[in-house]
Amino acid sequence: MKQLVKHFVAGAMLSSALVSTSVMAEQKLAVVDVQGIFQAMPQAAEIQNAIQMEFKDQIEEVNQLQRDGQFYAERLQRDAATMSEQEKKDLEQKILTVREQLSQKAQPLQQNIQRRSNEERNKLLGLIKQAIDSVAAKQGYDLILNANAVAFANDQIDLSEDVLAQVSKAN
């Protein structure tokens, strides 16, 4: 009896494996290089430029503070031997003031730029997702994987060019 059950279970497993492979063979699969599409999108460069312009004044202010701090530090190092104690203290105080201003302005600026970059990045990833969905629907694909998650895929199932063309049209 046990032998019969074992054969029955083995037969059921074998037939289920054969059915599942035939079902898998009927599915249409493809890959897409999302990161490559993101980097190749014309919108990505435009957004980077827009963010730079948005924070241009603040970036310039932080850069000027860095230059000032460097100038004061170099001057102190270069001219310390010929300066009076009061001049040294004044210059050291200027350096400390510039460093404080720099720390108060640089970190929030970096956080704001990062936040805006993430917002815009998420918008572009949404566009890429819509383009992938559109290309998959038009060409009848059942499953599309990220190319970075796949060990190997031949070029015939890579839809990256089609998706990039679709995303570029959305501009």
Protein backbone atom coordinates (compact mmCIF):
# COMPACT_ATOMS: atom_id res chain seq x y z
CA MET A 1 0.00 0.00 0.00
CA LYS A 2 2.77 2.42 0.95
CA GLN A 3 4.52 1.61 -2.30
CA LEU A 4 1.39 2.46 -4.28
CA VAL A 5 1.01 5.80 -2.47
CA LYS A 6 4.67 6.64 -3.15
CA HIS A 7 4.25 5.92 -6.88
CA PHE A 8 1.04 7.91 -6.98
CA VAL A 9 2.66 10.93 -5.25
CA ALA A 10 5.73 10.70 -7.48
CA GLY A 11 3.54 10.53 -10.57
CA ALA A 12 1.50 13.51 -9.41
CA MET A 13 4.66 15.54 -8.77
CA LEU A 14 6.10 14.64 -12.17
CA SER A 15 2.93 15.56 -14.01
CA SER A 16 2.65 18.82 -12.05
CA ALA A 17 6.26 19.68 -12.95
CA LEU A 18 5.59 18.99 -16.61
CA VAL A 19 2.43 21.12 -16.57
CA SER A 20 4.16 24.00 -14.77
CA THR A 21 7.07 24.04 -17.24
CA SER A 22 4.66 24.09 -20.15
CA VAL A 23 2.81 27.00 -18.53
CA MET A 24 6.11 28.81 -17.97
CA ALA A 25 7.07 28.23 -21.60
CA GLU A 26 3.95 30.04 -22.70
CA GLN A 27 4.73 33.15 -20.66
CA LYS A 28 6.47 35.97 -22.44
CA LEU A 29 9.40 37.33 -20.41
CA ALA A 30 11.65 40.37 -20.84
CA VAL A 31 14.18 42.47 -18.96
CA VAL A 32 14.62 46.23 -18.63
CA ASP A 33 17.67 48.14 -17.36
CA VAL A 34 15.87 50.73 -15.22
CA GLN A 35 19.09 52.39 -14.00
CA GLY A 36 20.44 52.67 -17.53
CA ILE A 37 17.17 54.17 -18.75
CA PHE A 38 17.17 56.65 -15.86
CA GLN A 39 20.69 57.81 -16.70
CA ALA A 40 19.94 58.06 -20.42
CA MET A 41 16.72 60.03 -20.01
CA PRO A 42 16.93 63.61 -21.27
CA GLN A 43 14.67 64.65 -18.38
CA ALA A 44 17.28 63.53 -15.80
CA ALA A 45 19.85 66.09 -16.96
CA GLU A 46 17.20 68.81 -17.17
CA ILE A 47 16.12 68.13 -13.61
CA GLN A 48 19.69 68.23 -12.31
CA ASN A 49 20.16 71.62 -13.99
CA ALA A 50 16.86 72.88 -12.58
CA ILE A 51 17.82 71.84 -9.06
CA GLN A 52 21.21 73.52 -9.42
CA MET A 53 19.48 76.71 -10.56
CA GLU A 54 16.93 76.48 -7.75
CA PHE A 55 19.66 76.43 -5.10
CA LYS A 56 22.21 78.51 -7.02
CA ASP A 57 22.33 81.44 -4.58
CA GLN A 58 22.66 79.21 -1.53
CA ILE A 59 25.36 77.09 -3.20
CA GLU A 60 27.30 80.23 -4.10
CA GLU A 61 26.99 81.52 -0.53
CA VAL A 62 28.36 78.26 0.88
CA ASN A 63 31.18 78.26 -1.68
CA GLN A 64 32.07 81.83 -0.73
CA LEU A 65 32.17 80.89 2.96
CA GLN A 66 34.51 78.00 2.10
CA ARG A 67 36.79 80.32 0.14
CA ASP A 68 36.78 82.88 2.96
CA GLY A 69 37.63 80.26 5.56
CA GLN A 70 40.44 78.91 3.44
CA PHE A 71 41.77 82.43 2.81
CA TYR A 72 41.78 83.28 6.53
CA ALA A 73 43.43 79.98 7.46
CA GLU A 74 46.15 80.43 4.83
CA ARG A 75 46.72 84.02 5.92
CA LEU A 76 47.04 82.97 9.57
CA GLN A 77 49.49 80.23 8.67
CA ARG A 78 51.51 82.47 6.35
CA ASP A 79 51.59 85.68 8.40
CA ALA A 80 51.36 84.43 11.99
CA ALA A 81 55.01 85.19 12.68
CA THR A 82 54.61 88.88 11.81
CA MET A 83 51.16 89.43 13.39
CA SER A 84 50.47 90.84 16.82
CA GLU A 85 48.58 88.69 19.31
CA GLN A 86 45.43 90.77 18.80
CA GLU A 87 45.58 90.32 15.00
CA LYS A 88 46.00 86.55 15.47
CA LYS A 89 43.00 86.42 17.82
CA ASP A 90 40.89 88.48 15.42
CA LEU A 91 41.79 86.23 12.50
CA GLU A 92 41.17 83.07 14.53
CA GLN A 93 37.78 84.49 15.53
CA LYS A 94 36.97 85.16 11.86
CA ILE A 95 37.89 81.57 11.03
CA LEU A 96 35.63 80.26 13.80
CA THR A 97 32.77 82.51 12.69
CA VAL A 98 33.09 81.35 9.09
CA ARG A 99 33.16 77.69 10.20
CA GLU A 100 30.01 78.17 12.28
CA GLN A 101 28.22 79.89 9.40
CA LEU A 102 29.36 77.16 7.06
CA SER A 103 28.08 74.39 9.31
CA GLN A 104 24.76 76.21 9.76
CA LYS A 105 24.24 76.64 6.02
CA ALA A 106 25.98 73.71 4.31
CA GLN A 107 24.19 70.81 5.98
CA PRO A 108 20.61 72.14 5.54
CA LEU A 109 21.44 73.05 1.94
CA GLN A 110 22.73 69.54 1.26
CA GLN A 111 19.59 68.07 2.83
CA ASN A 112 17.32 70.30 0.75
CA ILE A 113 19.14 69.42 -2.46
CA GLN A 114 18.95 65.72 -1.57
CA ARG A 115 15.24 65.96 -0.77
CA ARG A 116 14.46 67.72 -4.08
CA SER A 117 16.62 65.26 -6.01
CA ASN A 118 14.74 62.35 -4.45
CA GLU A 119 11.37 63.94 -5.28
CA GLU A 120 12.35 64.41 -8.92
CA ARG A 121 13.97 60.97 -9.10
CA ASN A 122 10.75 59.37 -7.87
CA LYS A 123 8.78 61.25 -10.54
CA LEU A 124 11.11 59.96 -13.25
CA LEU A 125 10.92 56.41 -11.88
CA GLY A 126 7.14 56.74 -12.09
CA LEU A 127 7.46 57.73 -15.76
CA ILE A 128 9.72 54.74 -16.37
CA LYS A 129 7.20 52.43 -14.68
CA GLN A 130 4.39 53.81 -16.86
CA ALA A 131 6.53 53.32 -19.97
CA ILE A 132 7.36 49.74 -18.96
CA ASP A 133 3.67 49.02 -18.42
CA SER A 134 2.81 50.54 -21.79
CA VAL A 135 5.49 48.63 -23.71
CA ALA A 136 4.57 45.38 -21.92
CA ALA A 137 0.91 45.82 -22.79
CA LYS A 138 1.61 46.69 -26.44
CA GLN A 139 3.98 43.80 -26.98
CA GLY A 140 2.11 41.25 -24.84
CA TYR A 141 4.68 40.53 -22.13
CA ASP A 142 3.60 38.67 -19.00
CA LEU A 143 6.63 39.41 -16.85
CA ILE A 144 9.34 42.07 -17.04
CA LEU A 145 12.32 41.89 -14.71
CA ASN A 146 14.92 44.49 -13.81
CA ALA A 147 18.06 43.62 -15.78
CA ASN A 148 20.22 44.20 -12.68
CA ALA A 149 18.39 41.37 -10.91
CA VAL A 150 19.03 38.85 -13.69
CA ALA A 151 22.31 36.96 -14.10
CA PHE A 152 21.93 36.64 -17.88
CA ALA A 153 19.50 37.75 -20.54
CA ASN A 154 20.07 37.87 -24.26
CA ASP A 155 19.51 41.11 -26.15
CA GLN A 156 16.38 39.79 -27.82
CA ILE A 157 14.38 40.06 -24.59
CA ASP A 158 15.86 43.40 -23.43
CA LEU A 159 13.19 46.08 -23.78
CA SER A 160 15.34 48.94 -22.47
CA GLU A 161 15.53 50.73 -25.83
CA ASP A 162 11.77 50.52 -26.33
CA VAL A 163 11.11 51.83 -22.82
CA LEU A 164 13.63 54.67 -23.27
CA ALA A 165 11.94 55.67 -26.52
CA GLN A 166 8.55 55.64 -24.78
CA VAL A 167 9.87 57.74 -21.85
CA SER A 168 11.55 60.21 -24.23
CA LYS A 169 8.22 60.72 -26.00
CA ALA A 170 6.64 61.64 -22.66
CA ASN A 171 8.90 64.69 -22.41
